[in-house]
Amino acid sequence: MRAGTVAAVAKCDHRQSQPWSRYFYETDPTYGLVDGLIYCNAHNDEPAFVLYERAFTALICRDADVVRLDDPALQALLDHVMRENQLTF
């Protein structure tokens, strides 16, 4: 909203939301160079983050702290999240 839009931009067709994101990616003079955006996602209105590739150097994560989504230790948690959000694959 501070950028002059409404939450509905994240819930519309990507042909509308992608140009909105591109506007900030391509360095809007009002905001300068941004690494990403925070918005309410379309699925459940919870915060979602878009990080552009230029944010790579701003993120620090030790290899020991990285857990792949296919790690068996995450299976129960992922199953729970999928059930809670009516997601299937």
PDB file of N, CA and C in Angstrom:
ATOM      1  N   MET A   1       0.814  -1.183   0.000  1.00  0.00           N
ATOM      2  CA  MET A   1       0.000   0.000   0.000  1.00  0.00           C
ATOM      3  C   MET A   1       0.866   1.259   0.000  1.00  0.00           C
ATOM      4  N   ARG A   2       2.002   1.175   0.680  1.00  0.00           N
ATOM      5  CA  ARG A   2       2.882   2.348   0.688  1.00  0.00           C
ATOM      6  C   ARG A   2       3.425   2.641  -0.708  1.00  0.00           C
ATOM      7  N   ALA A   3       3.376   1.651  -1.571  1.00  0.00           N
ATOM      8  CA  ALA A   3       3.866   1.840  -2.938  1.00  0.00           C
ATOM      9  C   ALA A   3       2.751   2.282  -3.877  1.00  0.00           C
ATOM     10  N   GLY A   4       1.576   2.536  -3.348  1.00  0.00           N
ATOM     11  CA  GLY A   4       0.490   3.028  -4.185  1.00  0.00           C
ATOM     12  C   GLY A   4      -0.306   1.951  -4.874  1.00  0.00           C
ATOM     13  N   THR A   5      -0.401   0.795  -4.261  1.00  0.00           N
ATOM     14  CA  THR A   5      -1.186  -0.291  -4.842  1.00  0.00           C
ATOM     15  C   THR A   5      -2.042  -0.925  -3.752  1.00  0.00           C
ATOM     16  N   VAL A   6      -2.771  -1.935  -4.088  1.00  0.00           N
ATOM     17  CA  VAL A   6      -3.609  -2.649  -3.120  1.00  0.00           C
ATOM     18  C   VAL A   6      -3.204  -4.110  -3.095  1.00  0.00           C
ATOM     19  N   ALA A   7      -3.625  -4.817  -2.055  1.00  0.00           N
ATOM     20  CA  ALA A   7      -3.262  -6.225  -1.904  1.00  0.00           C
ATOM     21  C   ALA A   7      -3.770  -7.081  -3.056  1.00  0.00           C
ATOM     22  N   ALA A   8      -4.789  -6.623  -3.743  1.00  0.00           N
ATOM     23  CA  ALA A   8      -5.366  -7.392  -4.846  1.00  0.00           C
ATOM     24  C   ALA A   8      -4.361  -7.656  -5.961  1.00  0.00           C
ATOM     25  N   VAL A   9      -3.296  -6.883  -6.042  1.00  0.00           N
ATOM     26  CA  VAL A   9      -2.315  -7.088  -7.107  1.00  0.00           C
ATOM     27  C   VAL A   9      -1.682  -8.481  -7.000  1.00  0.00           C
ATOM     28  N   ALA A  10      -1.588  -9.024  -5.785  1.00  0.00           N
ATOM     29  CA  ALA A  10      -1.007 -10.358  -5.608  1.00  0.00           C
ATOM     30  C   ALA A  10      -2.014 -11.458  -5.891  1.00  0.00           C
ATOM     31  N   LYS A  11      -3.267 -11.100  -6.040  1.00  0.00           N
ATOM     32  CA  LYS A  11      -4.315 -12.092  -6.235  1.00  0.00           C
ATOM     33  C   LYS A  11      -4.853 -12.104  -7.661  1.00  0.00           C
ATOM     34  N   CYS A  12      -4.256 -11.307  -8.504  1.00  0.00           N
ATOM     35  CA  CYS A  12      -4.737 -11.193  -9.879  1.00  0.00           C
ATOM     36  C   CYS A  12      -3.907 -12.071 -10.808  1.00  0.00           C
ATOM     37  N   ASP A  13      -4.251 -12.017 -12.033  1.00  0.00           N
ATOM     38  CA  ASP A  13      -3.521 -12.722 -13.080  1.00  0.00           C
ATOM     39  C   ASP A  13      -2.067 -12.240 -13.100  1.00  0.00           C
ATOM     40  N   HIS A  14      -1.131 -13.159 -13.297  1.00  0.00           N
ATOM     41  CA  HIS A  14       0.290 -12.790 -13.314  1.00  0.00           C
ATOM     42  C   HIS A  14       0.624 -11.768 -14.388  1.00  0.00           C
ATOM     43  N   ARG A  15      -0.220 -11.651 -15.395  1.00  0.00           N
ATOM     44  CA  ARG A  15       0.040 -10.637 -16.422  1.00  0.00           C
ATOM     45  C   ARG A  15      -0.078  -9.236 -15.840  1.00  0.00           C
ATOM     46  N   GLN A  16      -0.703  -9.109 -14.683  1.00  0.00           N
ATOM     47  CA  GLN A  16      -0.798  -7.809 -14.010  1.00  0.00           C
ATOM     48  C   GLN A  16       0.217  -7.685 -12.885  1.00  0.00           C
ATOM     49  N   SER A  17       0.423  -8.748 -12.114  1.00  0.00           N
ATOM     50  CA  SER A  17       1.325  -8.655 -10.967  1.00  0.00           C
ATOM     51  C   SER A  17       2.798  -8.653 -11.367  1.00  0.00           C
ATOM     52  N   GLN A  18       3.154  -9.344 -12.428  1.00  0.00           N
ATOM     53  CA  GLN A  18       4.557  -9.356 -12.837  1.00  0.00           C
ATOM     54  C   GLN A  18       5.044  -7.983 -13.300  1.00  0.00           C
ATOM     55  N   PRO A  19       4.270  -7.223 -14.071  1.00  0.00           N
ATOM     56  CA  PRO A  19       4.727  -5.867 -14.403  1.00  0.00           C
ATOM     57  C   PRO A  19       4.858  -4.974 -13.159  1.00  0.00           C
ATOM     58  N   TRP A  20       3.987  -5.186 -12.176  1.00  0.00           N
ATOM     59  CA  TRP A  20       4.066  -4.432 -10.927  1.00  0.00           C
ATOM     60  C   TRP A  20       5.405  -4.710 -10.246  1.00  0.00           C
ATOM     61  N   SER A  21       5.774  -5.972 -10.142  1.00  0.00           N
ATOM     62  CA  SER A  21       7.056  -6.331  -9.547  1.00  0.00           C
ATOM     63  C   SER A  21       8.218  -5.815 -10.392  1.00  0.00           C
ATOM     64  N   ARG A  22       8.090  -5.930 -11.700  1.00  0.00           N
ATOM     65  CA  ARG A  22       9.151  -5.468 -12.604  1.00  0.00           C
ATOM     66  C   ARG A  22       9.422  -3.972 -12.432  1.00  0.00           C
ATOM     67  N   TYR A  23       8.381  -3.208 -12.147  1.00  0.00           N
ATOM     68  CA  TYR A  23       8.525  -1.767 -11.931  1.00  0.00           C
ATOM     69  C   TYR A  23       9.539  -1.499 -10.816  1.00  0.00           C
ATOM     70  N   PHE A  24       9.450  -2.251  -9.720  1.00  0.00           N
ATOM     71  CA  PHE A  24      10.385  -2.066  -8.613  1.00  0.00           C
ATOM     72  C   PHE A  24      11.743  -2.674  -8.936  1.00  0.00           C
ATOM     73  N   TYR A  25      11.743  -3.792  -9.641  1.00  0.00           N
ATOM     74  CA  TYR A  25      12.993  -4.449 -10.023  1.00  0.00           C
ATOM     75  C   TYR A  25      13.851  -3.541 -10.892  1.00  0.00           C
ATOM     76  N   GLU A  26      13.208  -2.809 -11.765  1.00  0.00           N
ATOM     77  CA  GLU A  26      13.946  -1.965 -12.707  1.00  0.00           C
ATOM     78  C   GLU A  26      14.298  -0.603 -12.124  1.00  0.00           C
ATOM     79  N   THR A  27      14.366  -0.509 -10.807  1.00  0.00           N
ATOM     80  CA  THR A  27      14.835   0.657 -10.085  1.00  0.00           C
ATOM     81  C   THR A  27      13.961   1.883 -10.257  1.00  0.00           C
ATOM     82  N   ASP A  28      12.853   1.854  -9.584  1.00  0.00           N
ATOM     83  CA  ASP A  28      11.998   3.028  -9.486  1.00  0.00           C
ATOM     84  C   ASP A  28      12.772   4.100  -8.718  1.00  0.00           C
ATOM     85  N   PRO A  29      12.874   5.318  -9.233  1.00  0.00           N
ATOM     86  CA  PRO A  29      13.662   6.353  -8.560  1.00  0.00           C
ATOM     87  C   PRO A  29      13.148   6.707  -7.162  1.00  0.00           C
ATOM     88  N   THR A  30      11.876   6.444  -6.893  1.00  0.00           N
ATOM     89  CA  THR A  30      11.316   6.749  -5.580  1.00  0.00           C
ATOM     90  C   THR A  30      11.894   5.836  -4.505  1.00  0.00           C
ATOM     91  N   TYR A  31      12.113   4.570  -4.838  1.00  0.00           N
ATOM     92  CA  TYR A  31      12.551   3.584  -3.857  1.00  0.00           C
ATOM     93  C   TYR A  31      14.015   3.191  -4.011  1.00  0.00           C
ATOM     94  N   GLY A  32      14.628   3.513  -5.112  1.00  0.00           N
ATOM     95  CA  GLY A  32      15.997   3.101  -5.338  1.00  0.00           C
ATOM     96  C   GLY A  32      16.067   1.617  -5.665  1.00  0.00           C
ATOM     97  N   LEU A  33      17.246   1.054  -5.525  1.00  0.00           N
ATOM     98  CA  LEU A  33      17.465  -0.350  -5.852  1.00  0.00           C
ATOM     99  C   LEU A  33      16.919  -1.228  -4.721  1.00  0.00           C
ATOM    100  N   VAL A  34      15.899  -2.021  -5.022  1.00  0.00           N
ATOM    101  CA  VAL A  34      15.318  -2.902  -4.006  1.00  0.00           C
ATOM    102  C   VAL A  34      15.729  -4.345  -4.262  1.00  0.00           C
ATOM    103  N   ASP A  35      15.872  -5.105  -3.189  1.00  0.00           N
ATOM    104  CA  ASP A  35      16.254  -6.511  -3.290  1.00  0.00           C
ATOM    105  C   ASP A  35      15.054  -7.429  -3.418  1.00  0.00           C
ATOM    106  N   GLY A  36      13.851  -6.920  -3.105  1.00  0.00           N
ATOM    107  CA  GLY A  36      12.668  -7.753  -3.178  1.00  0.00           C
ATOM    108  C   GLY A  36      11.456  -7.020  -2.634  1.00  0.00           C
ATOM    109  N   LEU A  37      10.359  -7.759  -2.508  1.00  0.00           N
ATOM    110  CA  LEU A  37       9.095  -7.196  -2.060  1.00  0.00           C
ATOM    111  C   LEU A  37       8.474  -8.101  -1.006  1.00  0.00           C
ATOM    112  N   ILE A  38       7.679  -7.504  -0.113  1.00  0.00           N
ATOM    113  CA  ILE A  38       6.859  -8.241   0.837  1.00  0.00           C
ATOM    114  C   ILE A  38       5.415  -7.909   0.503  1.00  0.00           C
ATOM    115  N   TYR A  39       4.580  -8.930   0.402  1.00  0.00           N
ATOM    116  CA  TYR A  39       3.175  -8.714   0.056  1.00  0.00           C
ATOM    117  C   TYR A  39       2.337  -9.809   0.697  1.00  0.00           C
ATOM    118  N   CYS A  40       1.029  -9.655   0.725  1.00  0.00           N
ATOM    119  CA  CYS A  40       0.140 -10.704   1.225  1.00  0.00           C
ATOM    120  C   CYS A  40      -0.142 -11.673   0.082  1.00  0.00           C
ATOM    121  N   ASN A  41       0.151 -12.949   0.305  1.00  0.00           N
ATOM    122  CA  ASN A  41      -0.003 -13.913  -0.784  1.00  0.00           C
ATOM    123  C   ASN A  41      -1.466 -14.199  -1.090  1.00  0.00           C
ATOM    124  N   ALA A  42      -1.708 -14.718  -2.259  1.00  0.00           N
ATOM    125  CA  ALA A  42      -3.069 -14.964  -2.745  1.00  0.00           C
ATOM    126  C   ALA A  42      -3.715 -16.172  -2.087  1.00  0.00           C
ATOM    127  N   HIS A  43      -2.922 -17.101  -1.572  1.00  0.00           N
ATOM    128  CA  HIS A  43      -3.494 -18.340  -1.042  1.00  0.00           C
ATOM    129  C   HIS A  43      -4.178 -18.141   0.313  1.00  0.00           C
ATOM    130  N   ASN A  44      -3.475 -17.449   1.243  1.00  0.00           N
ATOM    131  CA  ASN A  44      -4.052 -17.309   2.584  1.00  0.00           C
ATOM    132  C   ASN A  44      -3.798 -15.940   3.226  1.00  0.00           C
ATOM    133  N   ASP A  45      -3.414 -14.976   2.427  1.00  0.00           N
ATOM    134  CA  ASP A  45      -3.177 -13.596   2.889  1.00  0.00           C
ATOM    135  C   ASP A  45      -2.054 -13.469   3.914  1.00  0.00           C
ATOM    136  N   GLU A  46      -1.212 -14.459   4.032  1.00  0.00           N
ATOM    137  CA  GLU A  46      -0.066 -14.340   4.928  1.00  0.00           C
ATOM    138  C   GLU A  46       1.093 -13.692   4.175  1.00  0.00           C
ATOM    139  N   PRO A  47       2.066 -13.141   4.902  1.00  0.00           N
ATOM    140  CA  PRO A  47       3.183 -12.477   4.240  1.00  0.00           C
ATOM    141  C   PRO A  47       3.940 -13.426   3.302  1.00  0.00           C
ATOM    142  N   ALA A  48       4.289 -12.901   2.158  1.00  0.00           N
ATOM    143  CA  ALA A  48       5.107 -13.624   1.188  1.00  0.00           C
ATOM    144  C   ALA A  48       6.256 -12.700   0.785  1.00  0.00           C
ATOM    145  N   PHE A  49       7.343 -13.296   0.385  1.00  0.00           N
ATOM    146  CA  PHE A  49       8.533 -12.524   0.046  1.00  0.00           C
ATOM    147  C   PHE A  49       8.986 -12.870  -1.359  1.00  0.00           C
ATOM    148  N   VAL A  50       9.283 -11.862  -2.131  1.00  0.00           N
ATOM    149  CA  VAL A  50       9.901 -12.022  -3.437  1.00  0.00           C
ATOM    150  C   VAL A  50      11.306 -11.473  -3.295  1.00  0.00           C
ATOM    151  N   LEU A  51      12.294 -12.309  -3.532  1.00  0.00           N
ATOM    152  CA  LEU A  51      13.678 -11.843  -3.497  1.00  0.00           C
ATOM    153  C   LEU A  51      14.245 -11.936  -4.905  1.00  0.00           C
ATOM    154  N   TYR A  52      14.733 -10.822  -5.386  1.00  0.00           N
ATOM    155  CA  TYR A  52      15.356 -10.796  -6.706  1.00  0.00           C
ATOM    156  C   TYR A  52      16.772 -11.353  -6.588  1.00  0.00           C
ATOM    157  N   GLU A  53      17.321 -11.788  -7.698  1.00  0.00           N
ATOM    158  CA  GLU A  53      18.647 -12.409  -7.663  1.00  0.00           C
ATOM    159  C   GLU A  53      19.698 -11.481  -7.090  1.00  0.00           C
ATOM    160  N   ARG A  54      19.523 -10.185  -7.173  1.00  0.00           N
ATOM    161  CA  ARG A  54      20.526  -9.270  -6.622  1.00  0.00           C
ATOM    162  C   ARG A  54      20.552  -9.306  -5.095  1.00  0.00           C
ATOM    163  N   ALA A  55      19.580  -9.920  -4.458  1.00  0.00           N
ATOM    164  CA  ALA A  55      19.578 -10.064  -3.002  1.00  0.00           C
ATOM    165  C   ALA A  55      20.530 -11.167  -2.549  1.00  0.00           C
ATOM    166  N   PHE A  56      21.062 -11.918  -3.483  1.00  0.00           N
ATOM    167  CA  PHE A  56      21.912 -13.065  -3.164  1.00  0.00           C
ATOM    168  C   PHE A  56      23.030 -12.701  -2.198  1.00  0.00           C
ATOM    169  N   THR A  57      23.709 -11.598  -2.411  1.00  0.00           N
ATOM    170  CA  THR A  57      24.831 -11.224  -1.548  1.00  0.00           C
ATOM    171  C   THR A  57      24.373 -10.708  -0.190  1.00  0.00           C
ATOM    172  N   ALA A  58      23.103 -10.370  -0.060  1.00  0.00           N
ATOM    173  CA  ALA A  58      22.582  -9.876   1.218  1.00  0.00           C
ATOM    174  C   ALA A  58      22.156 -11.021   2.132  1.00  0.00           C
ATOM    175  N   LEU A  59      22.022 -12.206   1.587  1.00  0.00           N
ATOM    176  CA  LEU A  59      21.577 -13.358   2.361  1.00  0.00           C
ATOM    177  C   LEU A  59      22.772 -14.192   2.799  1.00  0.00           C
ATOM    178  N   ILE A  60      22.794 -14.496   4.073  1.00  0.00           N
ATOM    179  CA  ILE A  60      23.889 -15.299   4.604  1.00  0.00           C
ATOM    180  C   ILE A  60      23.288 -16.548   5.240  1.00  0.00           C
ATOM    181  N   CYS A  61      23.701 -17.677   4.733  1.00  0.00           N
ATOM    182  CA  CYS A  61      23.202 -18.940   5.276  1.00  0.00           C
ATOM    183  C   CYS A  61      24.327 -19.968   5.159  1.00  0.00           C
ATOM    184  N   ARG A  62      24.744 -20.469   6.293  1.00  0.00           N
ATOM    185  CA  ARG A  62      25.810 -21.471   6.281  1.00  0.00           C
ATOM    186  C   ARG A  62      25.290 -22.757   5.648  1.00  0.00           C
ATOM    187  N   ASP A  63      26.144 -23.465   4.968  1.00  0.00           N
ATOM    188  CA  ASP A  63      25.753 -24.733   4.349  1.00  0.00           C
ATOM    189  C   ASP A  63      25.138 -25.683   5.374  1.00  0.00           C
ATOM    190  N   ALA A  64      25.653 -25.658   6.602  1.00  0.00           N
ATOM    191  CA  ALA A  64      25.146 -26.546   7.648  1.00  0.00           C
ATOM    192  C   ALA A  64      23.705 -26.217   8.028  1.00  0.00           C
ATOM    193  N   ASP A  65      23.233 -25.009   7.722  1.00  0.00           N
ATOM    194  CA  ASP A  65      21.874 -24.586   8.064  1.00  0.00           C
ATOM    195  C   ASP A  65      20.876 -24.809   6.940  1.00  0.00           C
ATOM    196  N   VAL A  66      21.329 -25.272   5.790  1.00  0.00           N
ATOM    197  CA  VAL A  66      20.455 -25.482   4.648  1.00  0.00           C
ATOM    198  C   VAL A  66      19.844 -26.878   4.719  1.00  0.00           C
ATOM    199  N   VAL A  67      18.515 -26.936   4.600  1.00  0.00           N
ATOM    200  CA  VAL A  67      17.821 -28.222   4.583  1.00  0.00           C
ATOM    201  C   VAL A  67      17.015 -28.268   3.296  1.00  0.00           C
ATOM    202  N   ARG A  68      17.247 -29.273   2.496  1.00  0.00           N
ATOM    203  CA  ARG A  68      16.508 -29.421   1.245  1.00  0.00           C
ATOM    204  C   ARG A  68      15.074 -29.823   1.544  1.00  0.00           C
ATOM    205  N   LEU A  69      14.145 -29.393   0.699  1.00  0.00           N
ATOM    206  CA  LEU A  69      12.740 -29.740   0.891  1.00  0.00           C
ATOM    207  C   LEU A  69      12.476 -31.233   0.739  1.00  0.00           C
ATOM    208  N   ASP A  70      13.380 -31.960   0.079  1.00  0.00           N
ATOM    209  CA  ASP A  70      13.188 -33.406  -0.049  1.00  0.00           C
ATOM    210  C   ASP A  70      13.862 -34.185   1.082  1.00  0.00           C
ATOM    211  N   ASP A  71      14.334 -33.499   2.115  1.00  0.00           N
ATOM    212  CA  ASP A  71      14.940 -34.155   3.276  1.00  0.00           C
ATOM    213  C   ASP A  71      13.849 -34.937   4.012  1.00  0.00           C
ATOM    214  N   PRO A  72      14.051 -36.230   4.265  1.00  0.00           N
ATOM    215  CA  PRO A  72      13.039 -37.041   4.955  1.00  0.00           C
ATOM    216  C   PRO A  72      12.632 -36.467   6.317  1.00  0.00           C
ATOM    217  N   ALA A  73      13.521 -35.738   6.970  1.00  0.00           N
ATOM    218  CA  ALA A  73      13.199 -35.162   8.278  1.00  0.00           C
ATOM    219  C   ALA A  73      12.105 -34.094   8.187  1.00  0.00           C
ATOM    220  N   LEU A  74      11.867 -33.555   7.010  1.00  0.00           N
ATOM    221  CA  LEU A  74      10.834 -32.531   6.825  1.00  0.00           C
ATOM    222  C   LEU A  74       9.491 -33.099   6.393  1.00  0.00           C
ATOM    223  N   GLN A  75       9.445 -34.371   6.064  1.00  0.00           N
ATOM    224  CA  GLN A  75       8.241 -34.944   5.466  1.00  0.00           C
ATOM    225  C   GLN A  75       6.988 -34.737   6.312  1.00  0.00           C
ATOM    226  N   ALA A  76       7.063 -35.001   7.613  1.00  0.00           N
ATOM    227  CA  ALA A  76       5.884 -34.864   8.474  1.00  0.00           C
ATOM    228  C   ALA A  76       5.402 -33.407   8.512  1.00  0.00           C
ATOM    229  N   LEU A  77       6.329 -32.475   8.623  1.00  0.00           N
ATOM    230  CA  LEU A  77       5.960 -31.058   8.646  1.00  0.00           C
ATOM    231  C   LEU A  77       5.340 -30.631   7.320  1.00  0.00           C
ATOM    232  N   LEU A  78       5.928 -31.047   6.217  1.00  0.00           N
ATOM    233  CA  LEU A  78       5.394 -30.691   4.907  1.00  0.00           C
ATOM    234  C   LEU A  78       4.013 -31.305   4.684  1.00  0.00           C
ATOM    235  N   ASP A  79       3.835 -32.536   5.123  1.00  0.00           N
ATOM    236  CA  ASP A  79       2.510 -33.172   5.013  1.00  0.00           C
ATOM    237  C   ASP A  79       1.475 -32.368   5.795  1.00  0.00           C
ATOM    238  N   HIS A  80       1.842 -31.935   6.986  1.00  0.00           N
ATOM    239  CA  HIS A  80       0.934 -31.135   7.818  1.00  0.00           C
ATOM    240  C   HIS A  80       0.572 -29.818   7.131  1.00  0.00           C
ATOM    241  N   VAL A  81       1.561 -29.127   6.623  1.00  0.00           N
ATOM    242  CA  VAL A  81       1.336 -27.849   5.933  1.00  0.00           C
ATOM    243  C   VAL A  81       0.426 -28.056   4.725  1.00  0.00           C
ATOM    244  N   MET A  82       0.646 -29.123   3.985  1.00  0.00           N
ATOM    245  CA  MET A  82      -0.178 -29.399   2.815  1.00  0.00           C
ATOM    246  C   MET A  82      -1.635 -29.678   3.206  1.00  0.00           C
ATOM    247  N   ARG A  83      -1.823 -30.473   4.263  1.00  0.00           N
ATOM    248  CA  ARG A  83      -3.197 -30.746   4.729  1.00  0.00           C
ATOM    249  C   ARG A  83      -3.889 -29.464   5.208  1.00  0.00           C
ATOM    250  N   GLU A  84      -3.179 -28.664   5.984  1.00  0.00           N
ATOM    251  CA  GLU A  84      -3.741 -27.425   6.533  1.00  0.00           C
ATOM    252  C   GLU A  84      -4.161 -26.447   5.435  1.00  0.00           C
ATOM    253  N   ASN A  85      -3.476 -26.497   4.305  1.00  0.00           N
ATOM    254  CA  ASN A  85      -3.737 -25.554   3.216  1.00  0.00           C
ATOM    255  C   ASN A  85      -4.411 -26.203   2.018  1.00  0.00           C
ATOM    256  N   GLN A  86      -4.938 -27.410   2.208  1.00  0.00           N
ATOM    257  CA  GLN A  86      -5.627 -28.156   1.157  1.00  0.00           C
ATOM    258  C   GLN A  86      -4.797 -28.223  -0.133  1.00  0.00           C
ATOM    259  N   LEU A  87      -3.529 -28.506   0.011  1.00  0.00           N
ATOM    260  CA  LEU A  87      -2.631 -28.629  -1.136  1.00  0.00           C
ATOM    261  C   LEU A  87      -2.393 -30.090  -1.449  1.00  0.00           C
ATOM    262  N   THR A  88      -2.358 -30.411  -2.712  1.00  0.00           N
ATOM    263  CA  THR A  88      -2.043 -31.773  -3.131  1.00  0.00           C
ATOM    264  C   THR A  88      -1.120 -31.710  -4.328  1.00  0.00           C
ATOM    265  N   PHE A  89      -0.444 -32.799  -4.568  1.00  0.00           N
ATOM    266  CA  PHE A  89       0.369 -32.908  -5.783  1.00  0.00           C
ATOM    267  C   PHE A  89       0.339 -34.323  -6.282  1.00  0.00           C
TER     268      PHE A  89
END
